[in-house]
PDB file of N, CA and C in Angstrom:
ATOM      1  N   MET A   1     -12.552   7.996  54.877  1.00  0.00           N
ATOM      2  CA  MET A   1     -13.684   7.495  54.110  1.00  0.00           C
ATOM      3  C   MET A   1     -13.330   6.497  53.089  1.00  0.00           C
ATOM      4  N   ILE A   2     -14.058   5.556  52.939  1.00  0.00           N
ATOM      5  CA  ILE A   2     -14.061   4.524  51.953  1.00  0.00           C
ATOM      6  C   ILE A   2     -14.593   4.952  50.715  1.00  0.00           C
ATOM      7  N   GLU A   3     -13.923   5.140  49.740  1.00  0.00           N
ATOM      8  CA  GLU A   3     -14.533   5.476  48.387  1.00  0.00           C
ATOM      9  C   GLU A   3     -14.620   4.456  47.414  1.00  0.00           C
ATOM     10  N   THR A   4     -15.832   4.288  46.948  1.00  0.00           N
ATOM     11  CA  THR A   4     -16.322   3.244  45.975  1.00  0.00           C
ATOM     12  C   THR A   4     -17.224   3.790  44.730  1.00  0.00           C
ATOM     13  N   ASN A   5     -17.450   3.010  43.878  1.00  0.00           N
ATOM     14  CA  ASN A   5     -18.449   3.414  42.801  1.00  0.00           C
ATOM     15  C   ASN A   5     -19.842   3.889  43.419  1.00  0.00           C
ATOM     16  N   ILE A   6     -20.254   3.002  44.440  1.00  0.00           N
ATOM     17  CA  ILE A   6     -21.558   3.315  45.033  1.00  0.00           C
ATOM     18  C   ILE A   6     -21.575   4.731  45.793  1.00  0.00           C
ATOM     19  N   THR A   7     -20.357   4.810  46.741  1.00  0.00           N
ATOM     20  CA  THR A   7     -20.391   6.062  47.426  1.00  0.00           C
ATOM     21  C   THR A   7     -20.397   7.332  46.495  1.00  0.00           C
ATOM     22  N   LYS A   8     -19.596   7.156  45.428  1.00  0.00           N
ATOM     23  CA  LYS A   8     -19.478   8.242  44.420  1.00  0.00           C
ATOM     24  C   LYS A   8     -20.811   8.547  43.757  1.00  0.00           C
ATOM     25  N   MET A   9     -21.392   7.390  43.304  1.00  0.00           N
ATOM     26  CA  MET A   9     -22.817   7.651  42.515  1.00  0.00           C
ATOM     27  C   MET A   9     -23.833   8.168  43.231  1.00  0.00           C
ATOM     28  N   PHE A  10     -23.907   7.863  44.535  1.00  0.00           N
ATOM     29  CA  PHE A  10     -24.909   8.315  45.638  1.00  0.00           C
ATOM     30  C   PHE A  10     -24.537   9.429  46.505  1.00  0.00           C
ATOM     31  N   GLY A  11     -23.368   9.826  46.380  1.00  0.00           N
ATOM     32  CA  GLY A  11     -22.795  11.036  47.112  1.00  0.00           C
ATOM     33  C   GLY A  11     -22.835  10.723  48.624  1.00  0.00           C
ATOM     34  N   ILE A  12     -22.421   9.409  49.010  1.00  0.00           N
ATOM     35  CA  ILE A  12     -22.465   9.002  50.364  1.00  0.00           C
ATOM     36  C   ILE A  12     -21.042   9.297  51.025  1.00  0.00           C
ATOM     37  N   LYS A  13     -21.198  10.019  52.124  1.00  0.00           N
ATOM     38  CA  LYS A  13     -20.014  10.424  52.928  1.00  0.00           C
ATOM     39  C   LYS A  13     -19.609   9.329  53.733  1.00  0.00           C
ATOM     40  N   HIS A  14     -20.465   8.567  54.399  1.00  0.00           N
ATOM     41  CA  HIS A  14     -20.120   7.634  55.253  1.00  0.00           C
ATOM     42  C   HIS A  14     -20.616   6.127  54.778  1.00  0.00           C
ATOM     43  N   PRO A  15     -19.962   5.281  54.437  1.00  0.00           N
ATOM     44  CA  PRO A  15     -20.458   3.938  53.970  1.00  0.00           C
ATOM     45  C   PRO A  15     -21.318   3.249  54.893  1.00  0.00           C
ATOM     46  N   ILE A  16     -22.596   3.739  55.168  1.00  0.00           N
ATOM     47  CA  ILE A  16     -23.501   3.133  55.916  1.00  0.00           C
ATOM     48  C   ILE A  16     -24.650   3.059  55.214  1.00  0.00           C
ATOM     49  N   PHE A  17     -25.174   1.879  55.184  1.00  0.00           N
ATOM     50  CA  PHE A  17     -26.468   1.652  54.531  1.00  0.00           C
ATOM     51  C   PHE A  17     -27.552   1.002  55.481  1.00  0.00           C
ATOM     52  N   SER A  18     -28.814   1.620  55.401  1.00  0.00           N
ATOM     53  CA  SER A  18     -29.596   1.215  56.570  1.00  0.00           C
ATOM     54  C   SER A  18     -30.475   0.072  56.034  1.00  0.00           C
ATOM     55  N   ALA A  19     -30.777  -0.984  56.800  1.00  0.00           N
ATOM     56  CA  ALA A  19     -31.505  -2.094  56.270  1.00  0.00           C
ATOM     57  C   ALA A  19     -32.967  -1.983  56.417  1.00  0.00           C
ATOM     58  N   PRO A  20     -33.839  -2.090  55.451  1.00  0.00           N
ATOM     59  CA  PRO A  20     -35.099  -1.954  55.503  1.00  0.00           C
ATOM     60  C   PRO A  20     -35.712  -3.137  56.239  1.00  0.00           C
ATOM     61  N   MET A  21     -36.423  -2.995  57.440  1.00  0.00           N
ATOM     62  CA  MET A  21     -36.795  -3.907  58.415  1.00  0.00           C
ATOM     63  C   MET A  21     -38.221  -3.912  58.271  1.00  0.00           C
ATOM     64  N   GLY A  22     -38.937  -3.994  57.392  1.00  0.00           N
ATOM     65  CA  GLY A  22     -40.378  -4.100  57.269  1.00  0.00           C
ATOM     66  C   GLY A  22     -41.203  -2.877  58.194  1.00  0.00           C
ATOM     67  N   PRO A  23     -42.025  -3.168  58.884  1.00  0.00           N
ATOM     68  CA  PRO A  23     -42.926  -2.097  59.411  1.00  0.00           C
ATOM     69  C   PRO A  23     -42.116  -1.296  60.568  1.00  0.00           C
ATOM     70  N   PHE A  24     -40.972  -1.839  60.965  1.00  0.00           N
ATOM     71  CA  PHE A  24     -40.192  -1.096  61.962  1.00  0.00           C
ATOM     72  C   PHE A  24     -39.285  -0.113  61.604  1.00  0.00           C
ATOM     73  N   PHE A  25     -39.096   0.037  60.137  1.00  0.00           N
ATOM     74  CA  PHE A  25     -38.254   1.075  59.477  1.00  0.00           C
ATOM     75  C   PHE A  25     -39.222   1.872  58.904  1.00  0.00           C
ATOM     76  N   THR A  26     -39.008   3.178  59.319  1.00  0.00           N
ATOM     77  CA  THR A  26     -39.994   4.199  58.808  1.00  0.00           C
ATOM     78  C   THR A  26     -39.299   5.360  57.828  1.00  0.00           C
ATOM     79  N   ARG A  27     -39.850   6.037  57.210  1.00  0.00           N
ATOM     80  CA  ARG A  27     -39.335   6.942  56.431  1.00  0.00           C
ATOM     81  C   ARG A  27     -38.442   8.075  57.086  1.00  0.00           C
ATOM     82  N   ASP A  28     -38.866   8.264  58.180  1.00  0.00           N
ATOM     83  CA  ASP A  28     -38.193   9.061  59.092  1.00  0.00           C
ATOM     84  C   ASP A  28     -36.661   8.689  59.548  1.00  0.00           C
ATOM     85  N   LEU A  29     -36.634   7.379  59.707  1.00  0.00           N
ATOM     86  CA  LEU A  29     -35.394   6.766  60.232  1.00  0.00           C
ATOM     87  C   LEU A  29     -34.445   6.712  58.583  1.00  0.00           C
ATOM     88  N   ALA A  30     -35.226   6.369  57.451  1.00  0.00           N
ATOM     89  CA  ALA A  30     -34.348   6.369  56.299  1.00  0.00           C
ATOM     90  C   ALA A  30     -33.879   7.840  56.004  1.00  0.00           C
ATOM     91  N   LEU A  31     -34.725   8.868  56.255  1.00  0.00           N
ATOM     92  CA  LEU A  31     -34.280  10.206  56.065  1.00  0.00           C
ATOM     93  C   LEU A  31     -33.161  10.573  56.891  1.00  0.00           C
ATOM     94  N   ALA A  32     -33.412  10.147  58.315  1.00  0.00           N
ATOM     95  CA  ALA A  32     -32.252  10.635  59.192  1.00  0.00           C
ATOM     96  C   ALA A  32     -30.773   9.921  58.698  1.00  0.00           C
ATOM     97  N   VAL A  33     -30.862   8.483  58.282  1.00  0.00           N
ATOM     98  CA  VAL A  33     -29.486   7.998  57.769  1.00  0.00           C
ATOM     99  C   VAL A  33     -29.104   8.889  56.622  1.00  0.00           C
ATOM    100  N   SER A  34     -30.087   9.133  55.617  1.00  0.00           N
ATOM    101  CA  SER A  34     -29.567   9.876  54.515  1.00  0.00           C
ATOM    102  C   SER A  34     -29.010  11.305  54.685  1.00  0.00           C
ATOM    103  N   GLU A  35     -29.724  11.963  55.633  1.00  0.00           N
ATOM    104  CA  GLU A  35     -29.136  13.250  56.006  1.00  0.00           C
ATOM    105  C   GLU A  35     -27.744  13.306  56.746  1.00  0.00           C
ATOM    106  N   ALA A  36     -27.512  12.129  57.439  1.00  0.00           N
ATOM    107  CA  ALA A  36     -26.355  12.040  58.254  1.00  0.00           C
ATOM    108  C   ALA A  36     -25.332  11.500  57.265  1.00  0.00           C
ATOM    109  N   GLY A  37     -25.439  11.354  55.881  1.00  0.00           N
ATOM    110  CA  GLY A  37     -24.366  10.978  54.967  1.00  0.00           C
ATOM    111  C   GLY A  37     -24.416   9.543  54.584  1.00  0.00           C
ATOM    112  N   GLY A  38     -25.338   8.790  55.170  1.00  0.00           N
ATOM    113  CA  GLY A  38     -25.461   7.326  54.671  1.00  0.00           C
ATOM    114  C   GLY A  38     -26.281   7.123  53.596  1.00  0.00           C
ATOM    115  N   LEU A  39     -26.878   5.950  53.381  1.00  0.00           N
ATOM    116  CA  LEU A  39     -27.862   5.589  52.359  1.00  0.00           C
ATOM    117  C   LEU A  39     -29.138   5.034  53.118  1.00  0.00           C
ATOM    118  N   GLY A  40     -29.997   5.684  53.210  1.00  0.00           N
ATOM    119  CA  GLY A  40     -31.410   5.252  53.765  1.00  0.00           C
ATOM    120  C   GLY A  40     -32.238   4.533  52.865  1.00  0.00           C
ATOM    121  N   VAL A  41     -32.752   3.387  53.188  1.00  0.00           N
ATOM    122  CA  VAL A  41     -33.251   2.509  52.390  1.00  0.00           C
ATOM    123  C   VAL A  41     -34.744   2.231  52.872  1.00  0.00           C
ATOM    124  N   LEU A  42     -35.889   2.219  52.015  1.00  0.00           N
ATOM    125  CA  LEU A  42     -37.240   1.892  52.562  1.00  0.00           C
ATOM    126  C   LEU A  42     -37.713   0.638  51.998  1.00  0.00           C
ATOM    127  N   SER A  43     -38.402  -0.099  52.867  1.00  0.00           N
ATOM    128  CA  SER A  43     -38.979  -1.477  52.566  1.00  0.00           C
ATOM    129  C   SER A  43     -40.238  -1.104  51.824  1.00  0.00           C
ATOM    130  N   ASN A  44     -40.901  -1.963  51.051  1.00  0.00           N
ATOM    131  CA  ASN A  44     -41.988  -1.936  50.432  1.00  0.00           C
ATOM    132  C   ASN A  44     -43.049  -2.894  50.934  1.00  0.00           C
ATOM    133  N   VAL A  45     -42.728  -3.470  52.138  1.00  0.00           N
ATOM    134  CA  VAL A  45     -43.580  -4.735  52.813  1.00  0.00           C
ATOM    135  C   VAL A  45     -45.014  -4.007  53.105  1.00  0.00           C
ATOM    136  N   ASN A  46     -44.938  -2.705  53.543  1.00  0.00           N
ATOM    137  CA  ASN A  46     -46.179  -2.199  54.036  1.00  0.00           C
ATOM    138  C   ASN A  46     -47.201  -1.767  52.866  1.00  0.00           C
ATOM    139  N   ILE A  47     -46.753  -1.959  51.565  1.00  0.00           N
ATOM    140  CA  ILE A  47     -47.501  -1.302  50.424  1.00  0.00           C
ATOM    141  C   ILE A  47     -48.815  -2.302  50.197  1.00  0.00           C
ATOM    142  N   ILE A  48     -48.445  -3.590  50.413  1.00  0.00           N
ATOM    143  CA  ILE A  48     -49.585  -4.560  50.055  1.00  0.00           C
ATOM    144  C   ILE A  48     -50.649  -4.392  51.207  1.00  0.00           C
TER     145      ILE A  48
END
């Protein structure tokens, strides 16, 4: 595992960050990445 300040701060096991890709990236995908030990990210493009 790569250990950095960010992985320590967020408790990330695997240094995988999901890219928020507008309407194609759902909360379920962000949750799956987070539950797998990565950092799931949501986009705010659908809020407007």
